[in-house]
Amino acid sequence: MPKDNLFVPRIIHIDITGKCNFECLHCRGRFSNKSIELSHFKRIIDNIFENWNNDLKWMEIGGGEPLLHKDLAKMIHYIKKKNKKIRIIVVSNGSLFNEKKAKELKSAGITRIQFSLDGVNAETHNWLRQNDSSFRKVMDAIEIAKKDNIDFVLRMTINNKNLNQIEDFFKLGKEKGAVELGLRGCIYVGNAEENTSELYLDKETYSKILVHLPLWSKKYNMPYFSGDPLALVANKELIEQIEKKFGSLDHYSGCSVGISYMYINNDGNVSFCPMLNNIEIAKLESRDIKDVWDNCLEFIHMRKRDMGGKCGKCKFLKLCGGCCAYGYWKEKKLFAENPICCFFVNKNMMEV
């Protein structure tokens, strides 16, 4: 399979700052407070579009809290200057989004903004965000986005405090006019590792939630996505569609790290993924980004789907790809099996 055709980044996520105005219980970040300077950002963007101008579809800008970066609008504008067709989403907690910011980002060329909403009421959301005004502020941000005709996504991190609010989250998303919802389970890295006892959701309960996501999506006509590869395996209808279309499950999907996704941390270097932002792969100041993409061992490993434990023996391996972040939480090493999976099917014996 020629890598030039099969393995190209379609989505690149850049965390432009490690600074944040919240201290969320579940935050993935073990960030320095460093921010990427505009000149450094431009060099990264130049390198990206020199190599993948016709391949890249989405740029994700996150943090930290990206709205704290004084040059956010200039960064968006620079991306659009390089390629007018590229779609840009900013990932925010919503607390700093106001009329002025909305106009700046819209003028710069933003496609969407994602707001974190971890409960359908103030009590749940504010607890997770450790901020008494966060729910009110994100609800205000939603109204501002609607007023200024900026498409928005609502993103929930599923944990044992909000698991009974997920169907209502679909209802709320529909009522507010979100273009899409994002849902995935809490990964116990960063702050979440220290707060596992308060956030932990057992794998049986989480698996049932994943099975219900497509049902709620249909019920409320509310599209959703999940960064969790298990959400794909839990969707029986989608699995059947893939088998029908491709004739087998020997098809790349699920975790797209090194397949079609690249992550750049707030030091301006390539790390494994946002959930493992402390596992740095390459420094871009001394290496061409395409060389990193084509030749770094971690990405090659992901393309081979060379996973440990049950993941390596599973029928859904290529389609799912496991989750290195969950595996790292338990084993403290990359490519370990996913400890929260309930969907394992032995590819040889075909036994659950």
Protein backbone atom coordinates (compact mmCIF):
# COMPACT_ATOMS: atom_id res chain seq x y z
CA MET A 1 0.00 0.00 0.00
CA PRO A 2 1.76 3.19 -1.13
CA LYS A 3 2.11 5.53 1.81
CA ASP A 4 1.71 8.61 -0.41
CA ASN A 5 -1.86 7.59 -1.18
CA LEU A 6 -2.99 5.83 1.96
CA PHE A 7 -1.23 7.60 4.81
CA VAL A 8 -1.58 11.38 4.59
CA PRO A 9 -2.75 13.79 7.29
CA ARG A 10 -6.31 14.94 6.72
CA ILE A 11 -6.57 16.54 10.17
CA ILE A 12 -3.80 18.33 12.06
CA HIS A 13 -4.40 19.54 15.61
CA ILE A 14 -2.20 22.29 17.04
CA ASP A 15 -2.29 23.33 20.68
CA ILE A 16 -1.20 26.96 20.46
CA THR A 17 -0.91 27.53 24.21
CA GLY A 18 -0.68 25.66 27.48
CA LYS A 19 -2.29 28.52 29.37
CA CYS A 20 -5.83 28.05 30.63
CA ASN A 21 -8.23 29.93 32.87
CA PHE A 22 -9.73 26.70 34.28
CA GLU A 23 -8.39 23.77 36.32
CA CYS A 24 -10.72 21.02 35.08
CA LEU A 25 -10.74 17.74 36.99
CA HIS A 26 -10.47 15.71 33.80
CA CYS A 27 -7.97 17.86 31.82
CA ARG A 28 -5.66 15.80 29.63
CA GLY A 29 -2.99 18.49 29.69
CA ARG A 30 0.31 18.27 31.42
CA PHE A 31 1.26 21.47 29.71
CA SER A 32 3.95 24.00 30.24
CA ASN A 33 2.49 27.51 30.12
CA LYS A 34 4.33 28.06 26.87
CA SER A 35 2.53 29.50 23.86
CA ILE A 36 3.58 29.19 20.23
CA GLU A 37 4.68 32.58 18.93
CA LEU A 38 3.06 33.78 15.71
CA SER A 39 6.32 33.62 13.74
CA HIS A 40 6.92 30.03 14.89
CA PHE A 41 3.31 29.12 14.08
CA LYS A 42 3.72 30.50 10.55
CA ARG A 43 6.82 28.36 9.97
CA ILE A 44 4.89 25.27 11.03
CA ILE A 45 1.95 26.17 8.78
CA ASP A 46 4.29 26.85 5.84
CA ASN A 47 5.86 23.42 6.29
CA ILE A 48 2.44 21.76 6.50
CA PHE A 49 1.10 23.30 3.31
CA GLU A 50 4.33 22.79 1.38
CA ASN A 51 3.67 19.08 1.78
CA TRP A 52 -0.09 18.55 2.06
CA ASN A 53 -1.85 21.53 0.52
CA ASN A 54 -4.20 19.28 -1.46
CA ASP A 55 -4.61 16.58 1.19
CA LEU A 56 -5.35 18.39 4.43
CA LYS A 57 -9.05 18.96 5.18
CA TRP A 58 -9.21 20.26 8.77
CA MET A 59 -7.02 22.24 11.12
CA GLU A 60 -7.93 22.04 14.81
CA ILE A 61 -6.67 24.79 17.11
CA GLY A 62 -6.71 24.04 20.82
CA GLY A 63 -4.85 24.51 24.09
CA GLY A 64 -4.93 25.13 26.99
CA GLU A 65 -7.54 27.71 26.16
CA PRO A 66 -6.81 29.04 22.66
CA LEU A 67 -8.81 32.23 23.20
CA LEU A 68 -6.09 33.29 25.65
CA HIS A 69 -3.61 33.53 22.77
CA LYS A 70 -3.35 37.14 21.61
CA ASP A 71 -2.68 36.08 18.00
CA LEU A 72 -5.43 33.49 17.55
CA ALA A 73 -7.28 35.47 14.86
CA LYS A 74 -4.02 36.16 13.01
CA MET A 75 -3.21 32.44 13.09
CA ILE A 76 -6.58 31.53 11.59
CA HIS A 77 -6.18 34.22 8.95
CA TYR A 78 -2.73 32.91 8.03
CA ILE A 79 -4.04 29.37 7.55
CA LYS A 80 -6.83 30.64 5.29
CA LYS A 81 -4.32 32.73 3.37
CA LYS A 82 -2.38 29.54 2.60
CA ASN A 83 -5.49 27.60 1.59
CA LYS A 84 -8.95 29.14 1.39
CA LYS A 85 -10.63 25.72 1.29
CA ILE A 86 -9.20 24.47 4.57
CA ARG A 87 -11.70 24.10 7.40
CA ILE A 88 -10.72 25.38 10.84
CA ILE A 89 -12.22 24.49 14.21
CA VAL A 90 -11.25 26.16 17.49
CA VAL A 91 -11.59 24.00 20.61
CA SER A 92 -12.59 26.17 23.59
CA ASN A 93 -14.17 26.00 27.03
CA GLY A 94 -16.38 28.90 25.90
CA SER A 95 -15.79 31.12 28.91
CA LEU A 96 -13.90 33.84 27.01
CA PHE A 97 -16.03 33.82 23.87
CA ASN A 98 -17.82 37.14 23.49
CA GLU A 99 -19.18 39.38 20.71
CA LYS A 100 -15.76 40.85 19.98
CA LYS A 101 -14.07 37.44 19.78
CA ALA A 102 -16.90 36.09 17.61
CA LYS A 103 -16.47 38.87 15.06
CA GLU A 104 -12.67 38.54 15.07
CA LEU A 105 -12.73 34.78 14.53
CA LYS A 106 -15.46 34.91 11.91
CA SER A 107 -13.62 37.62 9.99
CA ALA A 108 -10.40 35.58 10.18
CA GLY A 109 -12.12 32.58 8.59
CA ILE A 110 -13.14 30.16 11.34
CA THR A 111 -15.38 27.29 10.19
CA ARG A 112 -16.57 26.05 13.57
CA ILE A 113 -16.01 26.49 17.25
CA GLN A 114 -16.27 23.66 19.76
CA PHE A 115 -17.53 24.39 23.26
CA SER A 116 -17.00 21.99 26.15
CA LEU A 117 -20.27 21.18 27.93
CA ASP A 118 -19.93 18.39 30.46
CA GLY A 119 -23.43 18.44 31.91
CA VAL A 120 -26.88 19.70 31.07
CA ASN A 121 -27.03 21.60 34.35
CA ALA A 122 -24.75 24.00 36.18
CA GLU A 123 -24.08 21.68 39.10
CA THR A 124 -22.50 18.93 37.01
CA HIS A 125 -20.65 21.10 34.51
CA ASN A 126 -19.29 23.53 37.09
CA TRP A 127 -18.09 20.68 39.31
CA LEU A 128 -16.06 19.13 36.51
CA ARG A 129 -14.74 22.51 35.39
CA GLN A 130 -14.08 23.66 38.98
CA ASN A 131 -15.59 27.04 38.18
CA ASP A 132 -18.94 28.34 39.47
CA SER A 133 -19.66 30.49 36.41
CA SER A 134 -18.52 28.13 33.66
CA PHE A 135 -21.99 26.75 32.78
CA ARG A 136 -23.51 30.21 32.45
CA LYS A 137 -20.60 31.39 30.33
CA VAL A 138 -20.73 28.48 27.90
CA MET A 139 -24.49 28.88 27.51
CA ASP A 140 -23.90 32.57 26.76
CA ALA A 141 -21.22 31.57 24.24
CA ILE A 142 -23.69 29.31 22.46
CA GLU A 143 -26.13 32.19 22.04
CA ILE A 144 -23.39 34.48 20.72
CA ALA A 145 -22.31 31.86 18.17
CA LYS A 146 -25.91 31.46 17.03
CA LYS A 147 -26.39 35.21 16.74
CA ASP A 148 -23.25 35.57 14.61
CA ASN A 149 -24.02 32.48 12.50
CA ILE A 150 -20.93 30.59 13.59
CA ASP A 151 -21.39 26.83 13.49
CA PHE A 152 -20.70 25.26 16.87
CA VAL A 153 -20.08 21.80 18.29
CA LEU A 154 -20.82 20.76 21.87
CA ARG A 155 -18.36 18.34 23.44
CA MET A 156 -18.97 16.17 26.52
CA THR A 157 -16.41 14.10 28.40
CA ILE A 158 -18.37 11.13 29.76
CA ASN A 159 -17.73 10.18 33.39
CA ASN A 160 -19.67 8.75 36.32
CA LYS A 161 -21.12 12.14 37.27
CA ASN A 162 -22.83 12.88 33.93
CA LEU A 163 -23.59 9.41 32.54
CA ASN A 164 -27.31 9.84 33.24
CA GLN A 165 -27.42 13.13 31.33
CA ILE A 166 -26.26 11.90 27.94
CA GLU A 167 -29.68 11.54 26.32
CA ASP A 168 -30.57 15.02 27.59
CA PHE A 169 -27.30 16.23 26.07
CA PHE A 170 -28.56 15.09 22.66
CA LYS A 171 -31.83 16.91 23.31
CA LEU A 172 -30.01 20.07 24.35
CA GLY A 173 -27.72 19.97 21.34
CA LYS A 174 -30.72 19.75 19.03
CA GLU A 175 -32.58 22.54 20.83
CA LYS A 176 -29.58 24.88 20.76
CA GLY A 177 -28.76 24.25 17.11
CA ALA A 178 -25.39 22.52 17.39
CA VAL A 179 -24.15 21.16 14.06
CA GLU A 180 -22.68 18.15 15.85
CA LEU A 181 -21.98 16.68 19.27
CA GLY A 182 -18.73 15.19 20.47
CA LEU A 183 -18.73 12.52 23.17
CA ARG A 184 -16.08 10.22 24.54
CA GLY A 185 -15.16 8.68 27.85
CA CYS A 186 -12.73 10.29 30.23
CA ILE A 187 -9.16 9.14 29.68
CA TYR A 188 -7.29 9.00 32.96
CA VAL A 189 -4.23 11.05 32.05
CA GLY A 190 -3.20 14.52 33.16
CA ASN A 191 -5.48 15.85 35.90
CA ALA A 192 -7.86 12.94 35.36
CA GLU A 193 -5.25 10.46 36.56
CA GLU A 194 -5.18 12.22 39.92
CA ASN A 195 -9.00 12.33 40.04
CA THR A 196 -9.74 8.82 38.77
CA SER A 197 -11.67 7.85 41.91
CA GLU A 198 -14.20 10.64 41.27
CA LEU A 199 -14.44 10.24 37.49
CA TYR A 200 -14.05 6.51 36.90
CA LEU A 201 -16.67 4.75 34.81
CA ASP A 202 -16.53 0.95 34.69
CA LYS A 203 -16.09 -0.55 31.25
CA GLU A 204 -19.41 -2.42 31.23
CA THR A 205 -21.38 0.78 31.87
CA TYR A 206 -19.30 2.72 29.36
CA SER A 207 -19.82 0.04 26.70
CA LYS A 208 -23.60 0.26 27.12
CA ILE A 209 -23.40 4.04 26.68
CA LEU A 210 -21.41 3.64 23.45
CA VAL A 211 -24.03 1.24 22.09
CA HIS A 212 -26.75 3.80 22.83
CA LEU A 213 -25.03 6.79 21.19
CA PRO A 214 -26.16 6.01 17.62
CA LEU A 215 -29.67 5.30 18.90
CA TRP A 216 -29.93 8.69 20.60
CA SER A 217 -28.42 10.30 17.52
CA LYS A 218 -31.20 8.86 15.36
CA LYS A 219 -33.91 9.61 17.89
CA TYR A 220 -33.06 13.32 18.06
CA ASN A 221 -31.66 13.67 14.53
CA MET A 222 -28.48 14.98 16.12
CA PRO A 223 -25.15 14.01 14.48
CA TYR A 224 -22.29 13.07 16.78
CA PHE A 225 -18.69 11.98 16.65
CA SER A 226 -16.43 10.31 19.16
CA GLY A 227 -12.67 10.26 19.28
CA ASP A 228 -12.94 6.87 20.97
CA PRO A 229 -12.35 3.99 18.50
CA LEU A 230 -14.64 1.82 20.63
CA ALA A 231 -17.60 3.99 19.60
CA LEU A 232 -17.16 2.65 16.08
CA VAL A 233 -16.95 -0.98 17.19
CA ALA A 234 -20.05 -0.49 19.36
CA ASN A 235 -22.07 0.71 16.36
CA LYS A 236 -23.35 -2.55 14.82
CA GLU A 237 -25.12 -0.82 11.95
CA LEU A 238 -21.95 1.01 10.96
CA ILE A 239 -19.90 -2.19 11.17
CA GLU A 240 -22.36 -3.87 8.80
CA GLN A 241 -22.13 -0.95 6.38
CA ILE A 242 -18.33 -1.13 6.37
CA GLU A 243 -18.35 -4.88 5.75
CA LYS A 244 -20.83 -4.42 2.90
CA LYS A 245 -18.86 -1.58 1.30
CA PHE A 246 -15.34 -3.03 1.62
CA GLY A 247 -16.12 -6.75 1.79
CA SER A 248 -14.28 -7.15 5.10
CA LEU A 249 -13.23 -5.33 8.25
CA ASP A 250 -9.69 -4.99 6.88
CA HIS A 251 -10.12 -1.23 6.63
CA TYR A 252 -8.40 1.61 8.49
CA SER A 253 -10.66 3.57 10.78
CA GLY A 254 -10.87 4.19 14.53
CA CYS A 255 -7.68 5.69 15.94
CA SER A 256 -6.22 7.75 13.10
CA VAL A 257 -2.89 8.75 14.69
CA GLY A 258 -0.27 8.28 11.97
CA ILE A 259 -2.98 7.24 9.52
CA SER A 260 -4.69 10.55 8.79
CA TYR A 261 -4.14 12.58 11.98
CA MET A 262 -1.20 14.48 13.43
CA TYR A 263 -0.88 16.38 16.70
CA ILE A 264 1.45 19.31 17.42
CA ASN A 265 1.89 20.37 21.06
CA ASN A 266 2.22 23.86 22.51
CA ASP A 267 6.02 23.69 22.24
CA GLY A 268 5.54 23.44 18.48
CA ASN A 269 6.68 19.81 18.35
CA VAL A 270 4.98 16.61 17.24
CA SER A 271 3.61 14.52 20.10
CA PHE A 272 1.78 11.22 19.88
CA CYS A 273 -1.75 12.56 20.39
CA PRO A 274 -3.58 15.21 22.45
CA MET A 275 -4.20 12.73 25.25
CA LEU A 276 -0.49 11.87 25.40
CA ASN A 277 0.85 15.33 24.74
CA ASN A 278 3.85 14.68 27.00
CA ILE A 279 5.09 11.88 24.71
CA GLU A 280 7.06 13.93 22.22
CA ILE A 281 8.01 12.33 18.91
CA ALA A 282 9.97 14.97 17.00
CA LYS A 283 11.13 18.59 17.17
CA LEU A 284 9.93 20.46 14.10
CA GLU A 285 12.57 23.18 14.32
CA SER A 286 15.19 20.62 13.30
CA ARG A 287 13.18 18.25 11.11
CA ASP A 288 10.84 18.50 8.12
CA ILE A 289 7.28 17.63 9.05
CA LYS A 290 6.86 15.17 6.17
CA ASP A 291 9.98 13.31 7.25
CA VAL A 292 8.42 12.99 10.70
CA TRP A 293 5.14 11.77 9.22
CA ASP A 294 6.72 9.23 6.87
CA ASN A 295 9.48 7.86 9.06
CA CYS A 296 8.84 8.21 12.79
CA LEU A 297 8.64 4.78 14.39
CA GLU A 298 5.52 5.53 16.42
CA PHE A 299 3.49 6.37 13.30
CA ILE A 300 4.83 3.33 11.43
CA HIS A 301 3.81 1.23 14.43
CA MET A 302 0.26 2.60 14.21
CA ARG A 303 0.06 1.86 10.48
CA LYS A 304 1.03 -1.74 11.13
CA ARG A 305 -1.59 -1.89 13.92
CA ASP A 306 1.05 -3.61 16.01
CA MET A 307 -0.81 -3.56 19.32
CA GLY A 308 -0.22 -5.59 22.44
CA GLY A 309 -2.46 -7.94 24.42
CA LYS A 310 -6.00 -8.64 23.30
CA CYS A 311 -6.02 -5.70 20.90
CA GLY A 312 -3.37 -7.40 18.76
CA LYS A 313 -5.54 -10.52 18.45
CA CYS A 314 -8.88 -8.83 17.86
CA LYS A 315 -11.07 -9.12 14.77
CA PHE A 316 -11.58 -5.35 14.88
CA LEU A 317 -7.88 -4.44 15.18
CA LYS A 318 -7.43 -2.62 11.87
CA LEU A 319 -10.84 -1.01 12.03
CA CYS A 320 -10.43 0.13 15.64
CA GLY A 321 -6.72 0.54 16.26
CA GLY A 322 -7.07 0.34 20.03
CA CYS A 323 -6.44 3.36 22.23
CA CYS A 324 -2.85 3.98 23.24
CA ALA A 325 -3.91 6.60 25.78
CA TYR A 326 -6.06 4.15 27.75
CA GLY A 327 -3.31 1.54 27.47
CA TYR A 328 -0.73 4.03 28.69
CA TRP A 329 -2.89 4.86 31.69
CA LYS A 330 -2.66 1.23 32.85
CA GLU A 331 0.69 0.01 31.53
CA LYS A 332 2.68 3.26 31.21
CA LYS A 333 3.79 2.23 27.73
CA LEU A 334 2.55 2.84 24.20
CA PHE A 335 0.67 0.19 22.19
CA ALA A 336 -0.64 -1.69 25.22
CA GLU A 337 -4.12 -3.21 25.02
CA ASN A 338 -7.14 -1.07 25.80
CA PRO A 339 -8.16 -1.99 29.38
CA ILE A 340 -11.71 -0.62 29.06
CA CYS A 341 -12.77 -2.61 25.96
CA CYS A 342 -15.74 -4.98 26.16
CA PHE A 343 -15.94 -5.67 22.41
CA PHE A 344 -13.00 -8.04 21.92
CA VAL A 345 -13.56 -10.79 19.34
CA ASN A 346 -10.66 -13.19 18.72
CA LYS A 347 -9.87 -12.96 15.01
CA ASN A 348 -8.87 -16.63 14.86
CA MET A 349 -11.39 -18.36 17.14
CA MET A 350 -14.17 -15.78 16.65
CA GLU A 351 -15.17 -16.11 20.28
CA VAL A 352 -16.24 -13.18 22.46
